[in-house]
Amino acid sequence: MKPVWNMPPNRLLLSREIVHIWRAVLDLSERSIHQLKRSLSIDEMIKAERFNFEHHKNQYIIARGILRLILACYLSIEPVSIRFCY
């Protein structure tokens, strides 16, 4: 059976004609969570610490870490180098 979702290409390019849709699993090992946590900014870490439940905290860390990984691939930079403006 062919998977519904394709694996991303090795080289990610943005264009006006193509839309990229991403999905991610938010249930990862402690080791993976720790690796993703290292890419977060100080304000993201502060927000993560505000969650009352460990499960929600971990999902936030995973989601933000994966977002940083995806954007870093498009921008050809390290995930930790990404700065968000709110």
PDB file of N, CA and C in Angstrom:
ATOM      1  N   MET A   1       0.840  -1.174   0.000  1.00  0.00           N
ATOM      2  CA  MET A   1       0.000   0.000   0.000  1.00  0.00           C
ATOM      3  C   MET A   1       0.892   1.246   0.000  1.00  0.00           C
ATOM      4  N   LYS A   2       0.649   2.143  -0.912  1.00  0.00           N
ATOM      5  CA  LYS A   2       1.430   3.372  -1.022  1.00  0.00           C
ATOM      6  C   LYS A   2       0.981   4.359   0.057  1.00  0.00           C
ATOM      7  N   PRO A   3       1.951   5.007   0.753  1.00  0.00           N
ATOM      8  CA  PRO A   3       1.571   5.986   1.781  1.00  0.00           C
ATOM      9  C   PRO A   3       0.837   7.174   1.165  1.00  0.00           C
ATOM     10  N   VAL A   4      -0.069   7.758   1.944  1.00  0.00           N
ATOM     11  CA  VAL A   4      -0.848   8.903   1.474  1.00  0.00           C
ATOM     12  C   VAL A   4       0.050  10.132   1.325  1.00  0.00           C
ATOM     13  N   TRP A   5       1.025  10.250   2.223  1.00  0.00           N
ATOM     14  CA  TRP A   5       1.921  11.405   2.230  1.00  0.00           C
ATOM     15  C   TRP A   5       3.262  11.023   1.637  1.00  0.00           C
ATOM     16  N   ASN A   6       3.798  11.893   0.798  1.00  0.00           N
ATOM     17  CA  ASN A   6       5.107  11.675   0.203  1.00  0.00           C
ATOM     18  C   ASN A   6       6.207  12.150   1.140  1.00  0.00           C
ATOM     19  N   MET A   7       7.375  11.572   0.995  1.00  0.00           N
ATOM     20  CA  MET A   7       8.551  12.048   1.721  1.00  0.00           C
ATOM     21  C   MET A   7       8.995  13.360   1.065  1.00  0.00           C
ATOM     22  N   PRO A   8       9.529  14.283   1.849  1.00  0.00           N
ATOM     23  CA  PRO A   8       9.968  15.545   1.255  1.00  0.00           C
ATOM     24  C   PRO A   8      11.178  15.335   0.356  1.00  0.00           C
ATOM     25  N   PRO A   9      11.325  16.188  -0.637  1.00  0.00           N
ATOM     26  CA  PRO A   9      12.511  16.079  -1.501  1.00  0.00           C
ATOM     27  C   PRO A   9      13.761  16.474  -0.720  1.00  0.00           C
ATOM     28  N   ASN A  10      14.914  16.074  -1.236  1.00  0.00           N
ATOM     29  CA  ASN A  10      16.171  16.417  -0.574  1.00  0.00           C
ATOM     30  C   ASN A  10      16.417  17.927  -0.566  1.00  0.00           C
ATOM     31  N   ARG A  11      15.978  18.577  -1.588  1.00  0.00           N
ATOM     32  CA  ARG A  11      16.181  20.022  -1.705  1.00  0.00           C
ATOM     33  C   ARG A  11      14.817  20.702  -1.746  1.00  0.00           C
ATOM     34  N   LEU A  12      14.554  21.548  -0.776  1.00  0.00           N
ATOM     35  CA  LEU A  12      13.262  22.218  -0.689  1.00  0.00           C
ATOM     36  C   LEU A  12      13.344  23.598  -1.336  1.00  0.00           C
ATOM     37  N   LEU A  13      12.469  23.834  -2.283  1.00  0.00           N
ATOM     38  CA  LEU A  13      12.427  25.115  -2.977  1.00  0.00           C
ATOM     39  C   LEU A  13      11.010  25.662  -2.933  1.00  0.00           C
ATOM     40  N   LEU A  14      10.909  26.950  -2.726  1.00  0.00           N
ATOM     41  CA  LEU A  14       9.612  27.610  -2.746  1.00  0.00           C
ATOM     42  C   LEU A  14       9.360  28.189  -4.127  1.00  0.00           C
ATOM     43  N   SER A  15       8.110  28.147  -4.538  1.00  0.00           N
ATOM     44  CA  SER A  15       7.719  28.774  -5.808  1.00  0.00           C
ATOM     45  C   SER A  15       6.303  29.297  -5.658  1.00  0.00           C
ATOM     46  N   ARG A  16       5.893  30.100  -6.584  1.00  0.00           N
ATOM     47  CA  ARG A  16       4.538  30.668  -6.546  1.00  0.00           C
ATOM     48  C   ARG A  16       3.474  29.663  -6.974  1.00  0.00           C
ATOM     49  N   GLU A  17       3.870  28.604  -7.643  1.00  0.00           N
ATOM     50  CA  GLU A  17       2.914  27.656  -8.202  1.00  0.00           C
ATOM     51  C   GLU A  17       2.657  26.426  -7.331  1.00  0.00           C
ATOM     52  N   ILE A  18       3.496  26.188  -6.353  1.00  0.00           N
ATOM     53  CA  ILE A  18       3.397  24.960  -5.570  1.00  0.00           C
ATOM     54  C   ILE A  18       3.173  25.292  -4.100  1.00  0.00           C
ATOM     55  N   VAL A  19       2.284  24.535  -3.473  1.00  0.00           N
ATOM     56  CA  VAL A  19       2.020  24.673  -2.043  1.00  0.00           C
ATOM     57  C   VAL A  19       2.580  23.436  -1.353  1.00  0.00           C
ATOM     58  N   HIS A  20       3.338  23.648  -0.319  1.00  0.00           N
ATOM     59  CA  HIS A  20       3.861  22.535   0.473  1.00  0.00           C
ATOM     60  C   HIS A  20       3.022  22.403   1.732  1.00  0.00           C
ATOM     61  N   ILE A  21       2.548  21.205   1.991  1.00  0.00           N
ATOM     62  CA  ILE A  21       1.772  20.921   3.196  1.00  0.00           C
ATOM     63  C   ILE A  21       2.569  19.905   4.012  1.00  0.00           C
ATOM     64  N   TRP A  22       2.762  20.240   5.274  1.00  0.00           N
ATOM     65  CA  TRP A  22       3.555  19.386   6.150  1.00  0.00           C
ATOM     66  C   TRP A  22       2.681  18.804   7.254  1.00  0.00           C
ATOM     67  N   ARG A  23       3.048  17.631   7.692  1.00  0.00           N
ATOM     68  CA  ARG A  23       2.431  17.039   8.872  1.00  0.00           C
ATOM     69  C   ARG A  23       3.548  16.407   9.689  1.00  0.00           C
ATOM     70  N   ALA A  24       3.321  16.325  10.981  1.00  0.00           N
ATOM     71  CA  ALA A  24       4.353  15.782  11.855  1.00  0.00           C
ATOM     72  C   ALA A  24       3.719  15.021  13.008  1.00  0.00           C
ATOM     73  N   VAL A  25       4.422  14.046  13.495  1.00  0.00           N
ATOM     74  CA  VAL A  25       4.011  13.284  14.662  1.00  0.00           C
ATOM     75  C   VAL A  25       4.501  14.027  15.897  1.00  0.00           C
ATOM     76  N   LEU A  26       3.605  14.250  16.859  1.00  0.00           N
ATOM     77  CA  LEU A  26       3.970  14.973  18.073  1.00  0.00           C
ATOM     78  C   LEU A  26       4.205  14.044  19.257  1.00  0.00           C
ATOM     79  N   ASP A  27       4.366  12.767  18.983  1.00  0.00           N
ATOM     80  CA  ASP A  27       4.633  11.783  20.023  1.00  0.00           C
ATOM     81  C   ASP A  27       6.007  11.181  19.755  1.00  0.00           C
ATOM     82  N   LEU A  28       7.043  11.799  20.322  1.00  0.00           N
ATOM     83  CA  LEU A  28       8.415  11.377  20.071  1.00  0.00           C
ATOM     84  C   LEU A  28       9.091  10.931  21.361  1.00  0.00           C
ATOM     85  N   SER A  29      10.232  10.313  21.217  1.00  0.00           N
ATOM     86  CA  SER A  29      10.998   9.846  22.370  1.00  0.00           C
ATOM     87  C   SER A  29      11.589  11.023  23.140  1.00  0.00           C
ATOM     88  N   GLU A  30      11.973  10.772  24.373  1.00  0.00           N
ATOM     89  CA  GLU A  30      12.599  11.810  25.201  1.00  0.00           C
ATOM     90  C   GLU A  30      13.876  12.328  24.542  1.00  0.00           C
ATOM     91  N   ARG A  31      14.619  11.440  23.937  1.00  0.00           N
ATOM     92  CA  ARG A  31      15.855  11.840  23.250  1.00  0.00           C
ATOM     93  C   ARG A  31      15.556  12.809  22.108  1.00  0.00           C
ATOM     94  N   SER A  32      14.542  12.506  21.305  1.00  0.00           N
ATOM     95  CA  SER A  32      14.168  13.383  20.194  1.00  0.00           C
ATOM     96  C   SER A  32      13.679  14.737  20.706  1.00  0.00           C
ATOM     97  N   ILE A  33      12.907  14.709  21.781  1.00  0.00           N
ATOM     98  CA  ILE A  33      12.409  15.952  22.372  1.00  0.00           C
ATOM     99  C   ILE A  33      13.586  16.800  22.846  1.00  0.00           C
ATOM    100  N   HIS A  34      14.556  16.168  23.485  1.00  0.00           N
ATOM    101  CA  HIS A  34      15.736  16.892  23.967  1.00  0.00           C
ATOM    102  C   HIS A  34      16.504  17.520  22.805  1.00  0.00           C
ATOM    103  N   GLN A  35      16.639  16.802  21.701  1.00  0.00           N
ATOM    104  CA  GLN A  35      17.340  17.340  20.530  1.00  0.00           C
ATOM    105  C   GLN A  35      16.596  18.535  19.945  1.00  0.00           C
ATOM    106  N   LEU A  36      15.283  18.433  19.841  1.00  0.00           N
ATOM    107  CA  LEU A  36      14.496  19.542  19.301  1.00  0.00           C
ATOM    108  C   LEU A  36      14.518  20.743  20.241  1.00  0.00           C
ATOM    109  N   LYS A  37      14.521  20.472  21.525  1.00  0.00           N
ATOM    110  CA  LYS A  37      14.521  21.529  22.535  1.00  0.00           C
ATOM    111  C   LYS A  37      15.749  22.424  22.401  1.00  0.00           C
ATOM    112  N   ARG A  38      16.870  21.854  21.987  1.00  0.00           N
ATOM    113  CA  ARG A  38      18.111  22.622  21.843  1.00  0.00           C
ATOM    114  C   ARG A  38      18.026  23.680  20.754  1.00  0.00           C
ATOM    115  N   SER A  39      17.072  23.559  19.832  1.00  0.00           N
ATOM    116  CA  SER A  39      16.955  24.543  18.751  1.00  0.00           C
ATOM    117  C   SER A  39      16.022  25.703  19.108  1.00  0.00           C
ATOM    118  N   LEU A  40      15.317  25.605  20.236  1.00  0.00           N
ATOM    119  CA  LEU A  40      14.350  26.632  20.596  1.00  0.00           C
ATOM    120  C   LEU A  40      15.026  27.890  21.118  1.00  0.00           C
ATOM    121  N   SER A  41      14.341  29.010  20.936  1.00  0.00           N
ATOM    122  CA  SER A  41      14.818  30.287  21.459  1.00  0.00           C
ATOM    123  C   SER A  41      14.476  30.386  22.944  1.00  0.00           C
ATOM    124  N   ILE A  42      15.015  31.382  23.588  1.00  0.00           N
ATOM    125  CA  ILE A  42      14.749  31.588  25.018  1.00  0.00           C
ATOM    126  C   ILE A  42      13.260  31.824  25.251  1.00  0.00           C
ATOM    127  N   ASP A  43      12.614  32.654  24.420  1.00  0.00           N
ATOM    128  CA  ASP A  43      11.182  32.916  24.627  1.00  0.00           C
ATOM    129  C   ASP A  43      10.339  31.659  24.401  1.00  0.00           C
ATOM    130  N   GLU A  44      10.753  30.796  23.486  1.00  0.00           N
ATOM    131  CA  GLU A  44      10.032  29.531  23.288  1.00  0.00           C
ATOM    132  C   GLU A  44      10.219  28.611  24.497  1.00  0.00           C
ATOM    133  N   MET A  45      11.409  28.610  25.063  1.00  0.00           N
ATOM    134  CA  MET A  45      11.661  27.794  26.253  1.00  0.00           C
ATOM    135  C   MET A  45      10.842  28.296  27.441  1.00  0.00           C
ATOM    136  N   ILE A  46      10.753  29.609  27.590  1.00  0.00           N
ATOM    137  CA  ILE A  46       9.949  30.184  28.678  1.00  0.00           C
ATOM    138  C   ILE A  46       8.489  29.774  28.512  1.00  0.00           C
ATOM    139  N   LYS A  47       7.992  29.863  27.276  1.00  0.00           N
ATOM    140  CA  LYS A  47       6.602  29.470  27.031  1.00  0.00           C
ATOM    141  C   LYS A  47       6.397  27.979  27.318  1.00  0.00           C
ATOM    142  N   ALA A  48       7.349  27.148  26.930  1.00  0.00           N
ATOM    143  CA  ALA A  48       7.232  25.704  27.170  1.00  0.00           C
ATOM    144  C   ALA A  48       7.133  25.415  28.664  1.00  0.00           C
ATOM    145  N   GLU A  49       7.889  26.141  29.457  1.00  0.00           N
ATOM    146  CA  GLU A  49       7.880  25.914  30.904  1.00  0.00           C
ATOM    147  C   GLU A  49       6.561  26.334  31.561  1.00  0.00           C
ATOM    148  N   ARG A  50       5.755  27.112  30.885  1.00  0.00           N
ATOM    149  CA  ARG A  50       4.480  27.570  31.442  1.00  0.00           C
ATOM    150  C   ARG A  50       3.368  26.526  31.353  1.00  0.00           C
ATOM    151  N   PHE A  51       3.577  25.474  30.550  1.00  0.00           N
ATOM    152  CA  PHE A  51       2.547  24.446  30.432  1.00  0.00           C
ATOM    153  C   PHE A  51       2.440  23.670  31.736  1.00  0.00           C
ATOM    154  N   ASN A  52       1.226  23.392  32.157  1.00  0.00           N
ATOM    155  CA  ASN A  52       0.984  22.677  33.409  1.00  0.00           C
ATOM    156  C   ASN A  52       1.229  21.177  33.298  1.00  0.00           C
ATOM    157  N   PHE A  53       1.036  20.641  32.110  1.00  0.00           N
ATOM    158  CA  PHE A  53       1.168  19.198  31.916  1.00  0.00           C
ATOM    159  C   PHE A  53       2.359  18.899  31.014  1.00  0.00           C
ATOM    160  N   GLU A  54       3.141  17.926  31.402  1.00  0.00           N
ATOM    161  CA  GLU A  54       4.349  17.542  30.656  1.00  0.00           C
ATOM    162  C   GLU A  54       4.028  17.183  29.212  1.00  0.00           C
ATOM    163  N   HIS A  55       2.915  16.504  28.999  1.00  0.00           N
ATOM    164  CA  HIS A  55       2.505  16.095  27.650  1.00  0.00           C
ATOM    165  C   HIS A  55       2.336  17.320  26.747  1.00  0.00           C
ATOM    166  N   HIS A  56       1.663  18.360  27.250  1.00  0.00           N
ATOM    167  CA  HIS A  56       1.454  19.578  26.453  1.00  0.00           C
ATOM    168  C   HIS A  56       2.764  20.317  26.223  1.00  0.00           C
ATOM    169  N   LYS A  57       3.591  20.354  27.232  1.00  0.00           N
ATOM    170  CA  LYS A  57       4.911  20.975  27.105  1.00  0.00           C
ATOM    171  C   LYS A  57       5.713  20.274  26.006  1.00  0.00           C
ATOM    172  N   ASN A  58       5.731  18.947  26.027  1.00  0.00           N
ATOM    173  CA  ASN A  58       6.480  18.191  25.028  1.00  0.00           C
ATOM    174  C   ASN A  58       5.931  18.404  23.623  1.00  0.00           C
ATOM    175  N   GLN A  59       4.608  18.445  23.490  1.00  0.00           N
ATOM    176  CA  GLN A  59       4.019  18.682  22.170  1.00  0.00           C
ATOM    177  C   GLN A  59       4.403  20.062  21.637  1.00  0.00           C
ATOM    178  N   TYR A  60       4.437  21.052  22.510  1.00  0.00           N
ATOM    179  CA  TYR A  60       4.848  22.393  22.102  1.00  0.00           C
ATOM    180  C   TYR A  60       6.309  22.378  21.636  1.00  0.00           C
ATOM    181  N   ILE A  61       7.178  21.746  22.399  1.00  0.00           N
ATOM    182  CA  ILE A  61       8.602  21.675  22.045  1.00  0.00           C
ATOM    183  C   ILE A  61       8.776  20.962  20.711  1.00  0.00           C
ATOM    184  N   ILE A  62       8.079  19.863  20.525  1.00  0.00           N
ATOM    185  CA  ILE A  62       8.174  19.108  19.276  1.00  0.00           C
ATOM    186  C   ILE A  62       7.675  19.939  18.104  1.00  0.00           C
ATOM    187  N   ALA A  63       6.514  20.571  18.249  1.00  0.00           N
ATOM    188  CA  ALA A  63       5.936  21.360  17.159  1.00  0.00           C
ATOM    189  C   ALA A  63       6.853  22.515  16.766  1.00  0.00           C
ATOM    190  N   ARG A  64       7.359  23.251  17.753  1.00  0.00           N
ATOM    191  CA  ARG A  64       8.251  24.376  17.456  1.00  0.00           C
ATOM    192  C   ARG A  64       9.574  23.893  16.887  1.00  0.00           C
ATOM    193  N   GLY A  65      10.094  22.802  17.429  1.00  0.00           N
ATOM    194  CA  GLY A  65      11.355  22.266  16.922  1.00  0.00           C
ATOM    195  C   GLY A  65      11.238  21.793  15.482  1.00  0.00           C
ATOM    196  N   ILE A  66      10.149  21.107  15.168  1.00  0.00           N
ATOM    197  CA  ILE A  66       9.941  20.633  13.801  1.00  0.00           C
ATOM    198  C   ILE A  66       9.713  21.810  12.854  1.00  0.00           C
ATOM    199  N   LEU A  67       8.958  22.817  13.292  1.00  0.00           N
ATOM    200  CA  LEU A  67       8.788  24.019  12.485  1.00  0.00           C
ATOM    201  C   LEU A  67      10.150  24.619  12.145  1.00  0.00           C
ATOM    202  N   ARG A  68      11.022  24.706  13.129  1.00  0.00           N
ATOM    203  CA  ARG A  68      12.361  25.250  12.909  1.00  0.00           C
ATOM    204  C   ARG A  68      13.159  24.374  11.937  1.00  0.00           C
ATOM    205  N   LEU A  69      13.035  23.049  12.045  1.00  0.00           N
ATOM    206  CA  LEU A  69      13.737  22.154  11.120  1.00  0.00           C
ATOM    207  C   LEU A  69      13.270  22.353   9.681  1.00  0.00           C
ATOM    208  N   ILE A  70      11.960  22.455   9.506  1.00  0.00           N
ATOM    209  CA  ILE A  70      11.408  22.639   8.164  1.00  0.00           C
ATOM    210  C   ILE A  70      11.861  23.969   7.571  1.00  0.00           C
ATOM    211  N   LEU A  71      11.704  25.048   8.328  1.00  0.00           N
ATOM    212  CA  LEU A  71      12.117  26.362   7.832  1.00  0.00           C
ATOM    213  C   LEU A  71      13.615  26.405   7.550  1.00  0.00           C
ATOM    214  N   ALA A  72      14.402  25.755   8.397  1.00  0.00           N
ATOM    215  CA  ALA A  72      15.850  25.726   8.195  1.00  0.00           C
ATOM    216  C   ALA A  72      16.215  25.035   6.880  1.00  0.00           C
ATOM    217  N   CYS A  73      15.463  24.005   6.520  1.00  0.00           N
ATOM    218  CA  CYS A  73      15.711  23.332   5.239  1.00  0.00           C
ATOM    219  C   CYS A  73      15.441  24.257   4.064  1.00  0.00           C
ATOM    220  N   TYR A  74      14.372  25.013   4.128  1.00  0.00           N
ATOM    221  CA  TYR A  74      14.057  25.956   3.057  1.00  0.00           C
ATOM    222  C   TYR A  74      15.102  27.071   2.972  1.00  0.00           C
ATOM    223  N   LEU A  75      15.571  27.523   4.116  1.00  0.00           N
ATOM    224  CA  LEU A  75      16.466  28.673   4.164  1.00  0.00           C
ATOM    225  C   LEU A  75      17.949  28.295   4.134  1.00  0.00           C
ATOM    226  N   SER A  76      18.249  27.012   4.218  1.00  0.00           N
ATOM    227  CA  SER A  76      19.630  26.515   4.244  1.00  0.00           C
ATOM    228  C   SER A  76      20.435  27.139   5.388  1.00  0.00           C
ATOM    229  N   ILE A  77      19.836  27.157   6.573  1.00  0.00           N
ATOM    230  CA  ILE A  77      20.495  27.654   7.778  1.00  0.00           C
ATOM    231  C   ILE A  77      20.233  26.679   8.913  1.00  0.00           C
ATOM    232  N   GLU A  78      20.882  26.888  10.027  1.00  0.00           N
ATOM    233  CA  GLU A  78      20.657  26.056  11.209  1.00  0.00           C
ATOM    234  C   GLU A  78      19.333  26.449  11.875  1.00  0.00           C
ATOM    235  N   PRO A  79      18.574  25.478  12.401  1.00  0.00           N
ATOM    236  CA  PRO A  79      17.294  25.785  13.063  1.00  0.00           C
ATOM    237  C   PRO A  79      17.418  26.807  14.191  1.00  0.00           C
ATOM    238  N   VAL A  80      18.509  26.751  14.930  1.00  0.00           N
ATOM    239  CA  VAL A  80      18.706  27.663  16.055  1.00  0.00           C
ATOM    240  C   VAL A  80      18.905  29.111  15.584  1.00  0.00           C
ATOM    241  N   SER A  81      19.247  29.307  14.314  1.00  0.00           N
ATOM    242  CA  SER A  81      19.490  30.656  13.768  1.00  0.00           C
ATOM    243  C   SER A  81      18.210  31.393  13.408  1.00  0.00           C
ATOM    244  N   ILE A  82      17.098  30.699  13.369  1.00  0.00           N
ATOM    245  CA  ILE A  82      15.832  31.320  12.968  1.00  0.00           C
ATOM    246  C   ILE A  82      15.318  32.218  14.089  1.00  0.00           C
ATOM    247  N   ARG A  83      14.923  33.424  13.722  1.00  0.00           N
ATOM    248  CA  ARG A  83      14.348  34.392  14.678  1.00  0.00           C
ATOM    249  C   ARG A  83      12.956  34.764  14.192  1.00  0.00           C
ATOM    250  N   PHE A  84      11.988  34.635  15.093  1.00  0.00           N
ATOM    251  CA  PHE A  84      10.614  34.999  14.779  1.00  0.00           C
ATOM    252  C   PHE A  84      10.315  36.387  15.316  1.00  0.00           C
ATOM    253  N   CYS A  85       9.545  37.145  14.587  1.00  0.00           N
ATOM    254  CA  CYS A  85       9.073  38.462  15.050  1.00  0.00           C
ATOM    255  C   CYS A  85       7.560  38.358  15.227  1.00  0.00           C
ATOM    256  N   TYR A  86       7.092  38.799  16.366  1.00  0.00           N
ATOM    257  CA  TYR A  86       5.675  38.721  16.668  1.00  0.00           C
ATOM    258  C   TYR A  86       5.087  40.101  16.742  1.00  0.00           C
TER     259      TYR A  86
END
